[in-house]
Amino acid sequence: MEYDESKKYDGYVNESGSGGDVARGEIHDNSDDLQRHLGNRQIQLIAIGGSIGTALFVSVGGALNKAGPLGILLAYTFYSCIMALVNNSMAEMATFMPVTGGFIRMAGHWVDEALGFMAGWNFFLYEALLIPFEITALNLVLSFWRDDIPVWAVCIAVIILYGACNVLAVQAYGEAEFWLSGGKVILIFMLYAFTFFTMVGANPKKDAYGFRYWRDPGPMAEYLSTGDLGRFEGFLGALWAASFCIVGPEYISMVSGEAKRPRVYIKNAFKTVYWRFGIFFILGALCTGIVIPYNDPTLVNILKGETSGGGTAAASPYVIAMRNLSIPVLPHLTNALLVTSIFSAGNTYTYCATRSMYSLAVEGRAPKIFRKCTRNGVPIYCFAITMVFPFLSFLQVSDNSSKVLTWLVNLVTAGGLINFITMMITYIAFHRACKAQGIDRRTLPYTGYFQPYQTYVALVVLVCVVFCYGYSVFLPGAWLIDNFMSSYAMLMVAPVLFVFWKIFKKTRFIPSKEVDLVWDGPLIDAYEASFITPPIGFWTEMLQLVGFKRHIPVDERAL
């Protein structure tokens, strides 16, 4: 048996009995109520919006302090390679079956319904808890300008804006995220240019500092212990920071159910993730270790909570470097772009949390009422539940913002790792099913490299990371129950969710020969066959955006 992409289906009937025929113009975008309106340029920038968040600018200072410039570079490079393996596996599944809910529904269809239940609720909590994290970080960044901005006012304003961006049709979200993510790209390349020009002497002090901080105080810092053990623990500290910072495949997976030409545009988005890891995360770690030393007094004081107005340093090591070099205007521009960057990340998390709950409802793993969508394809009740979580950001009104930030980071990091572990388990089941059912994977829209061996490597590393993430709490004299819970709460919740659904629904692991590899394939094939023009490239869409429409094709369907 082979998957033949050229073979298109004349009709499709979904579970509700609806469906259609291409010839009669009745084919729907999806077997659910979401609509495929996201174009190539929007998908590419949404992927950036989710993968480049506060962590690249806020948490990276703490990672540098723990590991030093070489330590953080090694940690971010290593984890980027692991995430590239995750991306390789997810790309093959998502381009083959670009359904609403992405990897969440795949886990339930191809492994066990209980795994899909666990993955869906874990991802929902992960994304929903990231929203107040971004709002808290936004308050930190705003304190760069003044300390008396009312925290509650910022929280309310951001919640209203997130609601406005996500309650409209998906085009509105996609367009907003396109422009916001574009600001992130401008910001990060501006910071790279700042790093290069200042290190060669183009700064007010005429100080060509180069790689000075790699020599003094040194390439690697000691953390928790001294000597080689301390340097290794510093590397681990940076690795844990990287596991929170470096993401991406899950967001492309989540938008695949609302993407035009999914087998083409989603595949293109996954293929560019490898470049993003190198350009944004690895190069970003290198630049961070160049601009300031890991023992910079301002950075150390902020991390210890001994300096007021923590937004300045906690927001970005680059801002510290700019002030150290007496650069007058650039810190304000950087902080302004940081505001849009952080807002963009929270906007993406709001979208993904809403869609993850909707995917649970579609599969019967959440109350049926959550399947209700507006005329524009927005899951309105899922959206309403998601918008409750941003109000957790009000916790910082009565607590130190940095403490709230640290608590949320620890809580959601394990949730993110569980998402990737679920993807790897799902891919192993998918690969075995293809083999058992005689499907030649080389005929699929995208074929991952070095499979399934690379998936096993990624799975082992991710399991080690998730279990060892909070190891420091077990060191002599370091036990604190709140630190233990913040590191391992999500790790305890996931098995409970899995076991609950397995017992409640009496589910079973699906044998490889019984895995449904057809699923929504006929509908997706028919939808893509309905287009009468070829797929549009990213730069072609960009030209359309600025008005160069003459002789440039657009996505048109025969229906």
Protein backbone atom coordinates (compact mmCIF):
# COMPACT_ATOMS: atom_id res chain seq x y z
CA MET A 1 0.00 0.00 0.00
CA GLU A 2 1.32 3.45 -0.93
CA TYR A 3 0.11 6.95 -0.23
CA ASP A 4 -0.53 8.51 -3.64
CA GLU A 5 -0.68 12.28 -3.34
CA SER A 6 -1.87 12.58 -6.93
CA LYS A 7 -4.92 10.45 -6.19
CA LYS A 8 -7.73 12.78 -5.21
CA TYR A 9 -11.09 11.76 -3.80
CA ASP A 10 -14.42 12.68 -5.34
CA GLY A 11 -16.29 12.93 -2.09
CA TYR A 12 -16.03 12.74 1.65
CA VAL A 13 -18.49 12.23 4.47
CA ASN A 14 -17.50 13.17 8.00
CA GLU A 15 -18.80 11.80 11.27
CA SER A 16 -21.80 14.09 11.37
CA GLY A 17 -22.91 12.90 7.96
CA SER A 18 -21.98 16.14 6.21
CA GLY A 19 -19.37 16.33 3.54
CA GLY A 20 -19.46 17.06 -0.11
CA ASP A 21 -18.34 16.51 -3.60
CA VAL A 22 -15.72 18.58 -5.38
CA ALA A 23 -17.72 18.55 -8.59
CA ARG A 24 -20.78 19.92 -6.79
CA GLY A 25 -18.74 22.53 -4.90
CA GLU A 26 -19.60 21.04 -1.53
CA ILE A 27 -16.18 20.18 -0.12
CA HIS A 28 -15.60 21.85 3.25
CA ASP A 29 -12.26 23.11 4.52
CA ASN A 30 -12.26 20.71 7.49
CA SER A 31 -14.34 17.93 9.02
CA ASP A 32 -14.94 20.39 11.88
CA ASP A 33 -16.04 24.03 11.92
CA LEU A 34 -12.64 25.73 11.65
CA GLN A 35 -11.71 27.45 8.40
CA ARG A 36 -8.51 27.33 6.34
CA HIS A 37 -7.64 31.00 5.85
CA LEU A 38 -3.98 31.26 6.92
CA GLY A 39 -1.65 32.00 4.02
CA ASN A 40 2.01 31.12 3.59
CA ARG A 41 3.41 34.40 4.93
CA GLN A 42 1.13 34.27 7.99
CA ILE A 43 2.08 30.68 8.82
CA GLN A 44 5.79 31.45 8.55
CA LEU A 45 5.51 34.45 10.88
CA ILE A 46 3.17 32.68 13.32
CA ALA A 47 5.83 29.98 13.66
CA ILE A 48 8.30 32.71 14.56
CA GLY A 49 5.77 34.33 16.91
CA GLY A 50 5.49 31.18 18.96
CA SER A 51 9.15 30.20 18.92
CA ILE A 52 10.65 33.62 19.70
CA GLY A 53 9.15 34.78 22.96
CA THR A 54 10.12 36.38 26.20
CA ALA A 55 12.59 33.62 27.05
CA LEU A 56 15.04 34.65 24.34
CA PHE A 57 15.25 38.12 25.86
CA VAL A 58 14.27 37.66 29.54
CA SER A 59 15.49 34.23 30.67
CA VAL A 60 18.70 34.19 28.68
CA GLY A 61 20.39 36.50 31.20
CA GLY A 62 19.90 33.95 33.97
CA ALA A 63 21.26 31.18 31.75
CA LEU A 64 24.36 33.26 31.01
CA ASN A 65 24.91 33.91 34.71
CA LYS A 66 24.78 30.18 35.49
CA ALA A 67 26.82 28.80 32.59
CA GLY A 68 29.03 31.54 31.18
CA PRO A 69 29.35 32.36 27.46
CA LEU A 70 30.68 28.97 26.34
CA GLY A 71 28.33 27.06 28.61
CA ILE A 72 25.23 28.80 27.28
CA LEU A 73 26.39 28.39 23.68
CA LEU A 74 26.94 24.64 24.16
CA ALA A 75 23.62 24.19 25.96
CA TYR A 76 21.57 26.08 23.38
CA THR A 77 23.33 24.34 20.48
CA PHE A 78 22.79 20.89 21.98
CA TYR A 79 19.12 21.48 22.73
CA SER A 80 18.55 23.06 19.29
CA CYS A 81 19.85 19.83 17.74
CA ILE A 82 17.43 17.78 19.84
CA MET A 83 14.55 20.04 18.83
CA ALA A 84 15.58 19.64 15.19
CA LEU A 85 15.00 15.90 15.63
CA VAL A 86 11.57 16.62 17.12
CA ASN A 87 10.79 18.93 14.19
CA ASN A 88 11.87 16.25 11.71
CA SER A 89 9.36 13.78 13.16
CA MET A 90 6.52 16.25 13.60
CA ALA A 91 6.93 17.57 10.05
CA GLU A 92 6.36 14.14 8.55
CA MET A 93 3.15 13.57 10.51
CA ALA A 94 1.71 17.08 10.19
CA THR A 95 2.21 17.34 6.43
CA PHE A 96 0.73 13.88 5.93
CA MET A 97 -2.32 14.63 8.12
CA PRO A 98 -2.71 18.42 8.70
CA VAL A 99 -5.72 18.24 11.01
CA THR A 100 -7.13 20.61 13.59
CA GLY A 101 -5.38 20.09 16.92
CA GLY A 102 -2.21 18.71 15.30
CA PHE A 103 -0.22 16.33 17.47
CA ILE A 104 -2.92 16.29 20.17
CA ARG A 105 -5.43 14.46 17.98
CA MET A 106 -2.72 12.34 16.35
CA ALA A 107 -1.77 10.95 19.76
CA GLY A 108 -5.37 9.85 20.33
CA HIS A 109 -5.88 8.44 16.83
CA TRP A 110 -2.58 6.66 16.40
CA VAL A 111 -1.50 5.60 19.92
CA ASP A 112 -4.23 5.57 22.56
CA GLU A 113 -7.23 7.78 23.29
CA ALA A 114 -5.89 8.23 26.82
CA LEU A 115 -2.65 9.67 25.43
CA GLY A 116 -4.65 12.12 23.32
CA PHE A 117 -6.63 13.16 26.39
CA MET A 118 -3.45 13.68 28.40
CA ALA A 119 -1.65 15.50 25.56
CA GLY A 120 -4.59 17.82 24.92
CA TRP A 121 -5.12 18.93 28.48
CA ASN A 122 -1.38 19.16 29.15
CA PHE A 123 -0.91 21.37 26.09
CA PHE A 124 -3.91 23.49 27.03
CA LEU A 125 -2.55 24.11 30.54
CA TYR A 126 0.94 24.73 29.13
CA GLU A 127 -0.25 27.36 26.68
CA ALA A 128 -2.79 28.92 29.01
CA LEU A 129 -0.22 29.35 31.80
CA LEU A 130 2.20 30.97 29.38
CA ILE A 131 -0.24 33.84 28.83
CA PRO A 132 0.10 35.30 32.36
CA PHE A 133 3.85 34.66 32.12
CA GLU A 134 4.05 36.98 29.12
CA ILE A 135 1.90 39.62 30.83
CA THR A 136 4.15 39.47 33.91
CA ALA A 137 7.22 39.83 31.70
CA LEU A 138 5.60 42.78 29.96
CA ASN A 139 5.30 44.58 33.28
CA LEU A 140 8.98 43.92 33.91
CA VAL A 141 9.93 45.45 30.58
CA LEU A 142 7.67 48.47 31.06
CA SER A 143 9.41 49.23 34.35
CA PHE A 144 12.42 50.22 32.24
CA TRP A 145 10.74 53.58 31.66
CA ARG A 146 9.08 54.10 35.04
CA ASP A 147 8.31 52.11 38.17
CA ASP A 148 4.93 53.64 38.96
CA ILE A 149 2.93 52.18 36.04
CA PRO A 150 -0.07 50.43 37.66
CA VAL A 151 0.38 46.68 37.25
CA TRP A 152 -3.37 46.08 37.20
CA ALA A 153 -3.83 48.58 34.38
CA VAL A 154 -1.27 46.83 32.18
CA CYS A 155 -2.88 43.45 32.89
CA ILE A 156 -6.35 44.69 31.95
CA ALA A 157 -5.14 46.42 28.77
CA VAL A 158 -3.25 43.34 27.53
CA ILE A 159 -6.15 41.00 28.30
CA ILE A 160 -8.51 43.21 26.28
CA LEU A 161 -6.08 43.29 23.34
CA TYR A 162 -5.58 39.50 23.40
CA GLY A 163 -9.33 39.10 23.40
CA ALA A 164 -9.77 41.46 20.45
CA CYS A 165 -7.10 39.69 18.37
CA ASN A 166 -8.53 36.21 18.97
CA VAL A 167 -12.30 36.65 19.07
CA LEU A 168 -12.42 37.73 15.42
CA ALA A 169 -11.90 35.42 12.43
CA VAL A 170 -8.63 33.55 12.14
CA GLN A 171 -7.53 35.97 9.41
CA ALA A 172 -7.51 38.77 11.99
CA TYR A 173 -5.31 36.74 14.33
CA GLY A 174 -3.03 35.70 11.47
CA GLU A 175 -2.64 39.27 10.22
CA ALA A 176 -1.99 40.67 13.70
CA GLU A 177 0.58 37.98 14.38
CA PHE A 178 2.25 38.56 11.01
CA TRP A 179 3.01 42.19 11.86
CA LEU A 180 3.90 41.56 15.50
CA SER A 181 6.26 38.73 14.58
CA GLY A 182 7.81 40.92 11.94
CA GLY A 183 8.77 43.25 14.78
CA LYS A 184 10.51 40.34 16.51
CA VAL A 185 12.62 39.65 13.44
CA ILE A 186 13.61 43.31 13.23
CA LEU A 187 14.48 43.33 16.94
CA ILE A 188 16.69 40.26 16.89
CA PHE A 189 18.65 41.31 13.81
CA MET A 190 19.05 44.79 15.29
CA LEU A 191 20.55 43.21 18.42
CA TYR A 192 22.89 41.10 16.32
CA ALA A 193 24.04 44.23 14.49
CA PHE A 194 24.52 45.97 17.84
CA THR A 195 26.67 43.06 19.04
CA PHE A 196 28.91 43.07 15.99
CA PHE A 197 29.45 46.81 15.68
CA THR A 198 30.04 47.45 19.37
CA MET A 199 32.45 44.52 19.81
CA VAL A 200 34.68 45.92 17.05
CA GLY A 201 34.73 49.37 18.64
CA ALA A 202 31.75 51.21 17.11
CA ASN A 203 30.44 52.51 20.43
CA PRO A 204 30.67 55.81 22.38
CA LYS A 205 33.57 54.53 24.48
CA LYS A 206 35.54 53.35 21.41
CA ASP A 207 36.01 50.09 23.29
CA ALA A 208 36.71 47.17 20.91
CA TYR A 209 35.94 44.57 23.55
CA GLY A 210 35.62 41.62 21.14
CA PHE A 211 35.54 38.32 23.07
CA ARG A 212 36.97 39.91 26.21
CA TYR A 213 34.33 38.37 28.48
CA TRP A 214 35.26 34.90 27.27
CA ARG A 215 38.69 35.51 28.85
CA ASP A 216 37.62 37.56 31.87
CA PRO A 217 35.78 36.29 33.86
CA GLY A 218 36.11 33.20 31.65
CA PRO A 219 34.23 30.92 29.23
CA MET A 220 32.29 28.88 31.81
CA ALA A 221 30.75 29.80 35.15
CA GLU A 222 30.43 27.66 38.25
CA TYR A 223 26.91 27.03 39.51
CA LEU A 224 25.86 25.36 42.78
CA SER A 225 29.25 23.62 43.12
CA THR A 226 32.87 24.50 42.34
CA GLY A 227 35.39 23.15 39.87
CA ASP A 228 34.43 20.88 36.99
CA LEU A 229 31.23 19.77 38.73
CA GLY A 230 30.17 23.41 39.15
CA ARG A 231 30.84 24.13 35.47
CA PHE A 232 28.84 21.06 34.44
CA GLU A 233 25.96 22.15 36.67
CA GLY A 234 26.18 25.57 35.04
CA PHE A 235 25.79 23.88 31.65
CA LEU A 236 22.75 22.00 33.00
CA GLY A 237 21.27 25.25 34.28
CA ALA A 238 21.58 26.73 30.79
CA LEU A 239 20.15 23.53 29.29
CA TRP A 240 17.04 23.86 31.46
CA ALA A 241 16.70 27.48 30.29
CA ALA A 242 17.09 26.30 26.68
CA SER A 243 14.32 23.72 27.18
CA PHE A 244 11.96 26.59 28.02
CA CYS A 245 13.24 28.92 25.33
CA ILE A 246 13.67 26.71 22.24
CA VAL A 247 10.31 25.67 20.82
CA GLY A 248 8.54 25.81 17.48
CA PRO A 249 7.22 22.53 15.98
CA GLU A 250 4.12 22.46 18.18
CA TYR A 251 2.91 25.84 16.91
CA ILE A 252 3.15 24.86 13.25
CA SER A 253 1.32 21.65 14.10
CA MET A 254 -1.48 23.60 15.78
CA VAL A 255 -2.12 25.93 12.81
CA SER A 256 -2.08 23.12 10.22
CA GLY A 257 -5.87 22.70 10.51
CA GLU A 258 -6.45 26.34 9.49
CA ALA A 259 -3.79 26.64 6.79
CA LYS A 260 -4.41 27.10 3.10
CA ARG A 261 -2.63 24.49 0.98
CA PRO A 262 -1.51 22.68 4.17
CA ARG A 263 0.54 19.97 2.48
CA VAL A 264 2.67 22.70 0.86
CA TYR A 265 2.68 25.64 3.27
CA ILE A 266 2.97 23.58 6.46
CA LYS A 267 5.83 21.59 4.95
CA ASN A 268 7.63 24.81 4.02
CA ALA A 269 7.17 26.15 7.54
CA PHE A 270 8.63 23.02 9.12
CA LYS A 271 11.62 23.07 6.75
CA THR A 272 12.53 26.61 7.77
CA VAL A 273 12.50 25.72 11.50
CA TYR A 274 16.04 24.34 11.24
CA TRP A 275 17.30 27.73 10.07
CA ARG A 276 15.40 29.46 12.87
CA PHE A 277 17.07 27.33 15.50
CA GLY A 278 20.48 28.32 14.18
CA ILE A 279 19.80 31.99 13.50
CA PHE A 280 17.65 32.85 16.49
CA PHE A 281 18.71 30.55 19.32
CA ILE A 282 22.29 29.45 18.70
CA LEU A 283 23.44 32.81 17.34
CA GLY A 284 21.40 34.54 20.05
CA ALA A 285 23.21 32.56 22.77
CA LEU A 286 26.56 33.49 21.21
CA CYS A 287 25.73 37.21 21.12
CA THR A 288 24.47 37.19 24.71
CA GLY A 289 27.82 35.83 25.91
CA ILE A 290 29.67 38.52 23.97
CA VAL A 291 27.92 41.71 25.10
CA ILE A 292 28.17 41.31 28.90
CA PRO A 293 30.14 39.14 31.36
CA TYR A 294 28.25 36.45 33.23
CA ASN A 295 29.07 38.20 36.54
CA ASP A 296 27.90 41.66 35.46
CA PRO A 297 26.89 43.44 38.72
CA THR A 298 23.59 44.71 37.34
CA LEU A 299 22.63 41.27 36.08
CA VAL A 300 23.62 39.58 39.35
CA ASN A 301 21.69 42.07 41.46
CA ILE A 302 18.57 41.68 39.33
CA LEU A 303 18.72 37.89 39.52
CA LYS A 304 19.06 38.15 43.29
CA GLY A 305 16.11 40.55 43.43
CA GLU A 306 18.23 43.26 45.03
CA THR A 307 17.59 45.97 42.46
CA SER A 308 14.37 47.88 41.91
CA GLY A 309 13.15 48.50 38.40
CA GLY A 310 14.08 44.97 37.44
CA GLY A 311 12.63 45.33 34.00
CA THR A 312 15.77 46.94 32.70
CA ALA A 313 18.10 44.04 33.29
CA ALA A 314 15.69 41.16 33.51
CA ALA A 315 14.29 42.07 30.11
CA SER A 316 17.52 41.77 28.17
CA PRO A 317 21.29 41.53 28.68
CA TYR A 318 21.51 43.74 25.61
CA VAL A 319 19.92 46.62 27.52
CA ILE A 320 22.54 46.23 30.26
CA ALA A 321 25.27 46.28 27.62
CA MET A 322 23.85 49.41 26.00
CA ARG A 323 23.83 51.23 29.32
CA ASN A 324 27.33 49.99 30.15
CA LEU A 325 28.52 51.49 26.86
CA SER A 326 26.60 54.76 27.46
CA ILE A 327 24.50 54.36 24.32
CA PRO A 328 21.62 56.86 24.72
CA VAL A 329 18.64 56.05 22.43
CA LEU A 330 19.01 52.38 21.48
CA PRO A 331 17.90 50.98 24.88
CA HIS A 332 14.54 52.71 24.47
CA LEU A 333 14.06 51.34 20.95
CA THR A 334 15.06 47.87 22.11
CA ASN A 335 12.63 47.98 25.00
CA ALA A 336 9.83 49.21 22.73
CA LEU A 337 10.37 46.29 20.37
CA LEU A 338 10.56 43.96 23.37
CA VAL A 339 7.06 45.09 24.30
CA THR A 340 5.69 44.08 20.88
CA SER A 341 7.69 40.84 20.98
CA ILE A 342 6.30 39.81 24.35
CA PHE A 343 2.76 40.79 23.37
CA SER A 344 3.09 38.70 20.20
CA ALA A 345 4.12 35.58 22.12
CA GLY A 346 1.14 35.88 24.46
CA ASN A 347 -1.15 36.36 21.47
CA THR A 348 0.08 33.08 19.98
CA TYR A 349 -0.38 31.26 23.28
CA THR A 350 -3.97 32.50 23.48
CA TYR A 351 -4.66 31.12 20.00
CA CYS A 352 -3.03 27.74 20.69
CA ALA A 353 -4.77 27.27 24.05
CA THR A 354 -8.14 27.96 22.43
CA ARG A 355 -7.48 25.51 19.56
CA SER A 356 -6.16 22.79 21.86
CA MET A 357 -9.36 22.86 23.94
CA TYR A 358 -11.40 22.83 20.74
CA SER A 359 -9.52 19.77 19.46
CA LEU A 360 -10.33 18.01 22.75
CA ALA A 361 -14.01 18.78 22.26
CA VAL A 362 -13.90 17.53 18.67
CA GLU A 363 -12.62 14.17 19.92
CA GLY A 364 -15.10 13.97 22.80
CA ARG A 365 -12.43 14.58 25.46
CA ALA A 366 -13.98 17.86 26.58
CA PRO A 367 -17.68 18.82 26.98
CA LYS A 368 -19.53 18.98 23.67
CA ILE A 369 -20.48 22.62 24.22
CA PHE A 370 -16.87 23.61 23.50
CA ARG A 371 -17.36 22.60 19.85
CA LYS A 372 -19.51 25.69 19.34
CA CYS A 373 -17.90 28.08 16.82
CA THR A 374 -18.85 31.53 15.62
CA ARG A 375 -19.77 32.12 12.00
CA ASN A 376 -16.13 33.09 11.42
CA GLY A 377 -14.80 29.78 12.74
CA VAL A 378 -13.73 30.88 16.26
CA PRO A 379 -14.40 28.33 19.06
CA ILE A 380 -16.15 30.88 21.24
CA TYR A 381 -16.56 28.92 24.50
CA CYS A 382 -13.01 27.59 24.30
CA PHE A 383 -11.89 31.18 23.85
CA ALA A 384 -13.89 32.25 26.91
CA ILE A 385 -12.27 29.60 29.13
CA THR A 386 -8.80 30.49 27.83
CA MET A 387 -9.32 34.15 28.67
CA VAL A 388 -9.71 33.27 32.35
CA PHE A 389 -6.03 32.34 32.63
CA PRO A 390 -4.55 35.78 31.84
CA PHE A 391 -6.09 37.00 35.08
CA LEU A 392 -3.45 34.95 36.94
CA SER A 393 -1.11 37.79 35.99
CA PHE A 394 -2.76 39.81 38.79
CA LEU A 395 -0.77 37.64 41.23
CA GLN A 396 2.13 40.01 40.67
CA VAL A 397 0.14 42.90 42.17
CA SER A 398 0.85 41.50 45.64
CA ASP A 399 4.13 39.73 44.90
CA ASN A 400 7.45 40.43 43.28
CA SER A 401 7.19 40.18 39.50
CA SER A 402 10.45 38.25 39.20
CA LYS A 403 9.22 35.59 41.64
CA VAL A 404 5.96 35.14 39.73
CA LEU A 405 7.96 34.91 36.51
CA THR A 406 10.29 32.23 37.90
CA TRP A 407 7.39 30.19 39.29
CA LEU A 408 5.52 30.22 35.97
CA VAL A 409 8.68 29.32 34.01
CA ASN A 410 9.30 26.26 36.18
CA LEU A 411 5.68 25.20 36.04
CA VAL A 412 5.29 25.29 32.26
CA THR A 413 8.72 23.99 31.24
CA ALA A 414 7.87 20.42 32.23
CA GLY A 415 4.57 20.77 30.35
CA GLY A 416 6.43 21.74 27.18
CA LEU A 417 8.78 18.79 27.48
CA ILE A 418 5.81 16.45 27.92
CA ASN A 419 4.39 17.83 24.65
CA PHE A 420 7.56 16.88 22.78
CA ILE A 421 7.74 13.45 24.44
CA THR A 422 4.16 12.85 23.29
CA MET A 423 5.13 13.79 19.73
CA MET A 424 7.99 11.27 19.77
CA ILE A 425 5.78 8.48 21.12
CA THR A 426 3.17 9.29 18.48
CA TYR A 427 5.74 9.22 15.69
CA ILE A 428 7.03 5.80 16.78
CA ALA A 429 3.44 4.49 16.59
CA PHE A 430 2.93 6.19 13.21
CA HIS A 431 6.16 4.73 11.81
CA ARG A 432 5.25 1.23 12.97
CA ALA A 433 1.75 1.59 11.49
CA CYS A 434 3.16 2.62 8.11
CA LYS A 435 5.43 -0.41 8.15
CA ALA A 436 2.69 -2.81 9.30
CA GLN A 437 0.23 -1.54 6.69
CA GLY A 438 2.74 -1.56 3.85
CA ILE A 439 2.86 2.20 3.28
CA ASP A 440 6.05 3.41 1.64
CA ARG A 441 7.00 6.51 3.61
CA ARG A 442 8.98 7.82 0.64
CA THR A 443 5.65 8.55 -1.07
CA LEU A 444 4.48 10.83 1.75
CA PRO A 445 4.43 14.63 1.28
CA TYR A 446 7.45 14.89 3.60
CA THR A 447 9.80 12.10 4.67
CA GLY A 448 11.89 12.57 7.80
CA TYR A 449 15.57 11.66 7.84
CA PHE A 450 17.18 8.86 9.89
CA GLN A 451 13.87 7.48 11.08
CA PRO A 452 12.93 6.00 13.47
CA TYR A 453 16.37 6.06 15.14
CA GLN A 454 16.54 9.82 15.54
CA THR A 455 13.13 9.76 17.24
CA TYR A 456 14.41 7.31 19.86
CA VAL A 457 17.44 9.56 20.50
CA ALA A 458 15.23 12.62 20.98
CA LEU A 459 12.84 10.66 23.21
CA VAL A 460 15.61 9.46 25.54
CA VAL A 461 17.13 12.94 25.88
CA LEU A 462 13.76 14.61 26.50
CA VAL A 463 12.84 12.06 29.18
CA CYS A 464 16.18 12.67 30.91
CA VAL A 465 15.66 16.43 30.78
CA VAL A 466 12.10 16.35 32.14
CA PHE A 467 13.00 14.12 35.08
CA CYS A 468 16.25 15.91 35.93
CA TYR A 469 14.92 19.45 35.43
CA GLY A 470 14.46 20.13 39.15
CA TYR A 471 17.36 18.02 40.42
CA SER A 472 18.82 20.92 42.43
CA VAL A 473 15.94 20.72 44.92
CA PHE A 474 17.25 17.31 46.03
CA LEU A 475 20.74 18.59 46.87
CA PRO A 476 21.67 18.63 50.58
CA GLY A 477 20.02 21.56 52.34
CA ALA A 478 18.20 22.72 49.18
CA TRP A 479 14.79 21.09 49.73
CA LEU A 480 11.85 23.48 49.43
CA ILE A 481 8.38 22.14 48.79
CA ASP A 482 7.38 25.10 46.58
CA ASN A 483 10.46 24.59 44.37
CA PHE A 484 9.69 20.89 44.09
CA MET A 485 6.07 21.55 43.13
CA SER A 486 6.91 24.24 40.60
CA SER A 487 9.38 21.87 38.87
CA TYR A 488 7.41 18.65 38.99
CA ALA A 489 3.70 19.56 39.31
CA MET A 490 3.02 19.14 35.59
CA LEU A 491 5.01 15.90 35.58
CA MET A 492 2.65 14.53 38.22
CA VAL A 493 -0.51 15.82 36.55
CA ALA A 494 0.17 14.16 33.15
CA PRO A 495 0.16 10.51 34.37
CA VAL A 496 -2.97 11.19 36.42
CA LEU A 497 -4.75 12.48 33.30
CA PHE A 498 -3.63 9.45 31.28
CA VAL A 499 -4.67 6.89 33.89
CA PHE A 500 -8.00 8.64 34.57
CA TRP A 501 -9.09 8.55 30.92
CA LYS A 502 -7.80 5.01 30.40
CA ILE A 503 -9.87 3.71 33.32
CA PHE A 504 -12.89 5.95 32.69
CA LYS A 505 -13.14 5.13 28.96
CA LYS A 506 -11.45 1.70 29.09
CA THR A 507 -9.18 2.66 26.19
CA ARG A 508 -6.49 0.49 24.66
CA PHE A 509 -3.24 0.96 22.82
CA ILE A 510 -4.07 0.75 19.12
CA PRO A 511 -2.32 -2.15 17.29
CA SER A 512 -0.21 -1.01 14.33
CA LYS A 513 -2.41 -2.78 11.78
CA GLU A 514 -5.51 -1.02 13.15
CA VAL A 515 -4.13 2.53 13.21
CA ASP A 516 -6.33 4.78 11.05
CA LEU A 517 -3.95 6.29 8.51
CA VAL A 518 -6.82 7.39 6.23
CA TRP A 519 -8.64 9.61 8.75
CA ASP A 520 -9.22 13.07 7.18
CA GLY A 521 -6.93 12.30 4.23
CA PRO A 522 -9.73 12.16 1.62
CA LEU A 523 -11.12 15.53 2.69
CA ILE A 524 -7.68 17.17 2.75
CA ASP A 525 -6.86 15.76 -0.70
CA ALA A 526 -10.16 16.98 -2.09
CA TYR A 527 -9.68 20.42 -0.54
CA GLU A 528 -6.23 20.83 -2.06
CA ALA A 529 -7.45 19.53 -5.42
CA SER A 530 -10.06 22.30 -5.44
CA PHE A 531 -7.39 24.96 -6.07
CA ILE A 532 -7.02 26.03 -9.68
CA THR A 533 -3.76 27.96 -9.20
CA PRO A 534 -0.36 26.69 -8.03
CA PRO A 535 0.81 27.31 -4.44
CA ILE A 536 2.16 30.78 -3.71
CA GLY A 537 5.64 31.28 -2.30
CA PHE A 538 6.39 33.35 0.80
CA TRP A 539 8.08 36.20 -1.07
CA THR A 540 5.32 36.24 -3.68
CA GLU A 541 2.79 36.81 -0.89
CA MET A 542 5.01 39.55 0.49
CA LEU A 543 4.98 41.27 -2.90
CA GLN A 544 1.19 40.98 -2.97
CA LEU A 545 1.06 42.58 0.45
CA VAL A 546 2.91 45.70 -0.70
CA GLY A 547 0.79 46.07 -3.81
CA PHE A 548 2.70 44.27 -6.56
CA LYS A 549 -0.29 42.21 -7.72
CA ARG A 550 0.05 42.45 -11.47
CA HIS A 551 0.94 39.07 -13.03
CA ILE A 552 1.21 37.52 -9.56
CA PRO A 553 -1.17 34.57 -8.97
CA VAL A 554 -3.36 34.29 -5.90
CA ASP A 555 -4.75 31.23 -4.13
CA GLU A 556 -7.99 30.56 -5.99
CA ARG A 557 -10.34 27.63 -5.66
CA ALA A 558 -12.73 26.25 -8.25
CA LEU A 559 -15.51 26.23 -5.68
